[in-house]
Protein backbone atom coordinates (compact mmCIF):
# COMPACT_ATOMS: atom_id res chain seq x y z
CA UNK A 1 15.18 8.56 26.00
CA UNK A 2 16.65 6.64 23.09
CA UNK A 3 19.53 8.08 21.06
CA UNK A 4 17.55 8.94 17.94
CA UNK A 5 20.60 10.10 16.02
CA UNK A 6 22.01 6.60 16.32
CA UNK A 7 18.56 5.12 15.79
CA UNK A 8 18.27 6.97 12.49
CA UNK A 9 21.64 5.73 11.27
CA UNK A 10 20.98 2.10 12.23
CA UNK A 11 17.50 2.06 10.71
CA UNK A 12 18.71 3.61 7.48
CA UNK A 13 21.39 0.93 7.31
CA UNK A 14 18.74 -1.74 8.01
CA UNK A 15 16.63 -0.50 5.10
CA UNK A 16 19.62 -0.33 2.76
CA UNK A 17 20.59 -3.90 3.64
CA UNK A 18 17.06 -5.09 2.87
CA UNK A 19 17.16 -3.35 -0.52
CA UNK A 20 20.55 -4.85 -1.34
CA UNK A 21 19.53 -8.39 -0.36
CA UNK A 22 16.27 -8.20 -2.29
CA UNK A 23 17.63 -6.59 -5.43
CA UNK A 24 14.83 -4.01 -5.32
CA UNK A 25 15.12 -0.74 -7.21
CA UNK A 26 13.10 1.39 -4.81
CA UNK A 27 10.59 1.64 -1.97
CA UNK A 28 6.90 2.41 -1.70
CA UNK A 29 4.63 3.12 1.27
CA UNK A 30 1.19 4.51 2.10
CA UNK A 31 1.54 8.18 2.98
CA UNK A 32 -1.52 8.76 5.16
CA UNK A 33 -0.19 11.98 6.65
CA UNK A 34 -0.12 10.36 10.10
CA UNK A 35 2.81 10.10 12.49
CA UNK A 36 3.84 6.55 11.61
CA UNK A 37 3.70 7.11 7.86
CA UNK A 38 5.71 10.31 8.25
CA UNK A 39 8.48 8.60 10.23
CA UNK A 40 8.56 5.64 7.85
CA UNK A 41 8.72 7.98 4.86
CA UNK A 42 11.57 10.02 6.32
CA UNK A 43 13.63 6.91 7.09
CA UNK A 44 12.93 5.34 3.70
CA UNK A 45 13.89 8.51 1.86
CA UNK A 46 17.15 8.76 3.82
CA UNK A 47 17.91 5.16 2.86
CA UNK A 48 16.74 5.24 -0.75
CA UNK A 49 16.37 8.24 -3.06
CA UNK A 50 13.78 6.35 -5.13
CA UNK A 51 11.07 6.31 -2.47
CA UNK A 52 7.42 6.83 -3.41
CA UNK A 53 4.58 7.66 -1.03
CA UNK A 54 1.05 6.87 -2.16
CA UNK A 55 -1.82 9.02 -0.91
CA UNK A 56 -4.78 6.64 -0.98
CA UNK A 57 -8.07 8.22 0.14
CA UNK A 58 -10.95 5.80 0.45
CA UNK A 59 -14.22 7.29 1.55
CA UNK A 60 -13.99 9.47 4.65
CA UNK A 61 -13.91 13.27 4.31
CA UNK A 62 -10.79 13.32 6.49
CA UNK A 63 -8.94 11.33 3.81
CA UNK A 64 -9.54 14.10 1.29
CA UNK A 65 -9.00 16.99 3.72
CA UNK A 66 -6.48 17.15 6.56
CA UNK A 67 -4.91 13.73 5.84
CA UNK A 68 -4.20 14.65 2.21
CA UNK A 69 -2.91 18.10 3.15
CA UNK A 70 -0.57 16.70 5.84
CA UNK A 71 0.69 13.95 3.53
CA UNK A 72 1.48 16.45 0.77
CA UNK A 73 3.13 18.89 3.17
CA UNK A 74 5.44 16.27 4.66
CA UNK A 75 6.32 14.86 1.24
CA UNK A 76 7.32 18.35 0.11
CA UNK A 77 9.43 18.99 3.21
CA UNK A 78 11.40 15.75 2.85
CA UNK A 79 11.46 15.56 -0.94
CA UNK A 80 9.44 12.37 -1.17
CA UNK A 81 7.86 11.57 -4.54
CA UNK A 82 4.08 11.40 -4.21
CA UNK A 83 1.24 9.83 -6.18
CA UNK A 84 -2.47 10.22 -5.52
CA UNK A 85 -4.92 7.37 -6.12
CA UNK A 86 -8.57 7.67 -5.07
CA UNK A 87 -9.89 4.25 -4.03
CA UNK A 88 -13.40 5.29 -2.98
CA UNK A 89 -14.89 4.22 -6.32
CA UNK A 90 -13.26 0.80 -6.10
CA UNK A 91 -14.60 0.32 -2.58
CA UNK A 92 -18.10 1.29 -3.68
CA UNK A 93 -17.94 -1.13 -6.61
CA UNK A 94 -16.84 -3.96 -4.33
CA UNK A 95 -19.68 -3.29 -1.89
CA UNK A 96 -22.12 -3.14 -4.80
CA UNK A 97 -20.77 -6.43 -6.18
CA UNK A 98 -21.26 -8.14 -2.82
CA UNK A 99 -24.74 -6.64 -2.68
CA UNK A 100 -27.32 -8.89 -1.08
CA UNK A 101 -25.11 -11.98 -1.11
CA UNK A 102 -23.89 -11.18 2.41
CA UNK A 103 -24.70 -8.82 5.25
CA UNK A 104 -21.36 -7.19 6.05
CA UNK A 105 -20.53 -6.08 9.57
CA UNK A 106 -19.17 -2.60 10.24
CA UNK A 107 -15.77 -4.15 10.99
CA UNK A 108 -15.73 -6.03 7.70
CA UNK A 109 -16.58 -2.86 5.78
CA UNK A 110 -13.95 -0.90 7.72
CA UNK A 111 -11.28 -3.42 6.76
CA UNK A 112 -11.91 -3.02 3.03
CA UNK A 113 -10.04 0.29 2.68
CA UNK A 114 -6.76 -0.93 4.27
CA UNK A 115 -6.84 -4.05 2.08
CA UNK A 116 -7.48 -2.04 -1.07
CA UNK A 117 -4.58 0.22 -0.15
CA UNK A 118 -2.27 -2.74 0.32
CA UNK A 119 -3.38 -4.29 -2.97
CA UNK A 120 -2.55 -1.00 -4.66
CA UNK A 121 0.85 -0.74 -2.99
CA UNK A 122 1.79 -4.27 -4.04
CA UNK A 123 0.49 -3.85 -7.59
CA UNK A 124 2.67 -0.80 -8.14
CA UNK A 125 5.54 -2.18 -6.09
CA UNK A 126 5.66 -5.41 -8.08
CA UNK A 127 5.47 -3.51 -11.38
CA UNK A 128 8.31 -1.16 -10.47
CA UNK A 129 10.46 -3.55 -8.40
CA UNK A 130 9.80 -1.68 -5.16
CA UNK A 131 9.58 -3.06 -1.63
CA UNK A 132 6.51 -2.17 0.41
CA UNK A 133 7.40 -0.50 3.70
CA UNK A 134 5.17 -1.10 6.71
CA UNK A 135 4.12 1.79 8.92
CA UNK A 136 2.75 0.08 12.05
CA UNK A 137 4.21 0.70 15.52
CA UNK A 138 4.70 -1.54 18.56
CA UNK A 139 1.70 -0.18 20.46
CA UNK A 140 -0.69 -0.90 17.59
CA UNK A 141 0.77 -4.35 17.10
CA UNK A 142 0.34 -5.26 20.78
CA UNK A 143 -3.29 -4.17 20.64
CA UNK A 144 -3.89 -5.80 17.27
CA UNK A 145 -4.99 -2.40 16.03
CA UNK A 146 -4.33 -3.05 12.37
CA UNK A 147 -6.03 -4.88 9.53
CA UNK A 148 -4.86 -8.40 8.79
CA UNK A 149 -3.62 -8.51 5.17
CA UNK A 150 -4.17 -4.74 5.04
CA UNK A 151 -1.84 -2.32 6.82
CA UNK A 152 -0.50 -5.39 8.65
CA UNK A 153 1.13 -6.60 5.41
CA UNK A 154 4.55 -5.37 4.24
CA UNK A 155 7.97 -6.44 3.00
CA UNK A 156 9.77 -4.77 5.90
CA UNK A 157 8.95 -2.38 8.72
CA UNK A 158 11.55 0.09 10.05
CA UNK A 159 9.51 1.30 13.07
CA UNK A 160 7.77 -1.85 14.38
CA UNK A 161 9.72 -1.81 17.66
CA UNK A 162 8.75 1.77 18.56
CA UNK A 163 5.82 2.64 20.82
CA UNK A 164 3.65 5.63 19.95
CA UNK A 165 5.48 7.64 22.62
CA UNK A 166 8.81 6.82 20.98
CA UNK A 167 7.48 7.63 17.50
CA UNK A 168 6.62 11.12 18.74
CA UNK A 169 10.07 11.50 20.31
CA UNK A 170 11.72 10.30 17.10
CA UNK A 171 9.73 12.74 14.97
CA UNK A 172 10.65 15.66 17.21
CA UNK A 173 14.32 14.69 16.98
CA UNK A 174 14.00 14.85 13.19
CA UNK A 175 12.27 18.23 13.24
CA UNK A 176 8.92 16.97 11.93
CA UNK A 177 6.05 19.49 11.92
CA UNK A 178 4.24 19.82 15.25
CA UNK A 179 0.94 19.68 13.35
CA UNK A 180 1.70 16.03 12.62
CA UNK A 181 2.81 15.25 16.15
CA UNK A 182 -0.21 16.96 17.74
CA UNK A 183 -2.80 15.34 15.45
CA UNK A 184 -5.01 12.75 17.15
CA UNK A 185 -3.99 9.27 15.92
CA UNK A 186 -6.59 7.99 13.48
CA UNK A 187 -6.87 5.31 10.83
CA UNK A 188 -9.20 7.66 8.96
CA UNK A 189 -11.65 4.84 8.24
CA UNK A 190 -14.66 7.06 8.89
CA UNK A 191 -15.26 10.67 9.84
CA UNK A 192 -14.55 11.43 13.49
CA UNK A 193 -12.75 8.15 14.08
CA UNK A 194 -9.74 8.13 16.43
CA UNK A 195 -7.63 5.19 17.55
CA UNK A 196 -7.98 5.92 21.25
CA UNK A 197 -11.73 6.53 21.03
CA UNK A 198 -12.24 3.24 19.24
CA UNK A 199 -10.05 1.23 21.60
CA UNK A 200 -11.29 2.90 24.79
CA UNK A 201 -7.77 3.40 26.12
CA UNK A 202 -4.99 5.92 25.50
CA UNK A 203 -1.69 5.19 23.83
CA UNK A 204 -0.02 6.69 26.90
CA UNK A 205 -1.54 3.96 29.03
CA UNK A 206 -0.62 1.26 26.48
CA UNK A 207 2.94 2.57 26.31
CA UNK A 208 3.22 2.73 30.08
CA UNK A 209 2.53 -1.01 30.14
CA UNK A 210 4.95 -1.78 27.31
CA UNK A 211 7.77 0.46 28.54
CA UNK A 212 7.49 0.10 32.32
CA UNK A 213 5.24 -2.91 32.82
CA UNK A 214 2.65 -0.93 34.77
CA UNK A 215 -0.66 0.78 34.10
CA UNK A 216 -3.94 1.13 35.96
CA UNK A 217 -6.16 -1.91 36.48
CA UNK A 218 -9.04 -0.61 34.34
CA UNK A 219 -6.83 0.05 31.32
CA UNK A 220 -4.90 -3.19 31.81
CA UNK A 221 -8.09 -5.22 31.44
CA UNK A 222 -8.89 -3.45 28.14
CA UNK A 223 -5.35 -3.77 26.81
CA UNK A 224 -5.06 -7.46 27.61
CA UNK A 225 -8.50 -8.14 26.12
CA UNK A 226 -7.41 -6.56 22.82
CA UNK A 227 -4.07 -8.38 22.94
CA UNK A 228 -5.64 -11.80 23.47
CA UNK A 229 -8.31 -11.29 20.82
CA UNK A 230 -5.75 -10.23 18.20
CA UNK A 231 -3.20 -13.00 18.77
CA UNK A 232 -4.02 -14.54 15.38
CA UNK A 233 -2.95 -11.32 13.63
CA UNK A 234 0.60 -11.66 14.91
CA UNK A 235 1.11 -15.23 13.68
CA UNK A 236 1.19 -16.87 10.29
CA UNK A 237 -1.97 -18.93 9.64
CA UNK A 238 -1.80 -22.59 10.68
CA UNK A 239 -1.13 -25.07 7.90
CA UNK A 240 -1.47 -28.84 7.71
CA UNK A 241 0.36 -30.64 9.14
CA UNK A 242 0.80 -28.34 12.13
């Protein structure tokens, strides 16, 4: 197991150095109430007193229920300033504006909420001279389980090298609520959605591959399929001349 006391200190120093180099006045991140957002919020708050977490529901009942409750509870525990912005109306207006001009796929519709959230984070961040903190982990990145130009966009990310298994370990070392740690990972894009259900493979199996280089053949085929298909998400777009 990693030394999470030392990890905390080095990550806090990393964040502080980013703030100093950028000349930013504060930090901002999306407080979804999930494990990654909680860990990011804790580290950001330790590094910068002026840290704001935005609760950004956008459609699903879960966003307005357990996600909101968990986000508020964690913010209270760690003294993180919180703002609440409901984006469901904006999403509905965008879908209405597109109307019959295009037939949107379920994936395209699902990606709207993360992109609206990021637009909101950057609008407020730019107005208040805040850096946007990313909340994605290593396991998600390997699978490409994030939205390009949505939750995949950020100014810095203090947990990008951690697998889901390590995020849980880190949270326990920091005394985070077990309700957060035991909650099924979910992007909250629609009711009943879970990361593992959507991918068809568990984070434990993904992390086994990343941490030890071994997993079962069935899961390996799924993991590598996701990894290959999402390669474009992990690279800057090609420009001319190449």
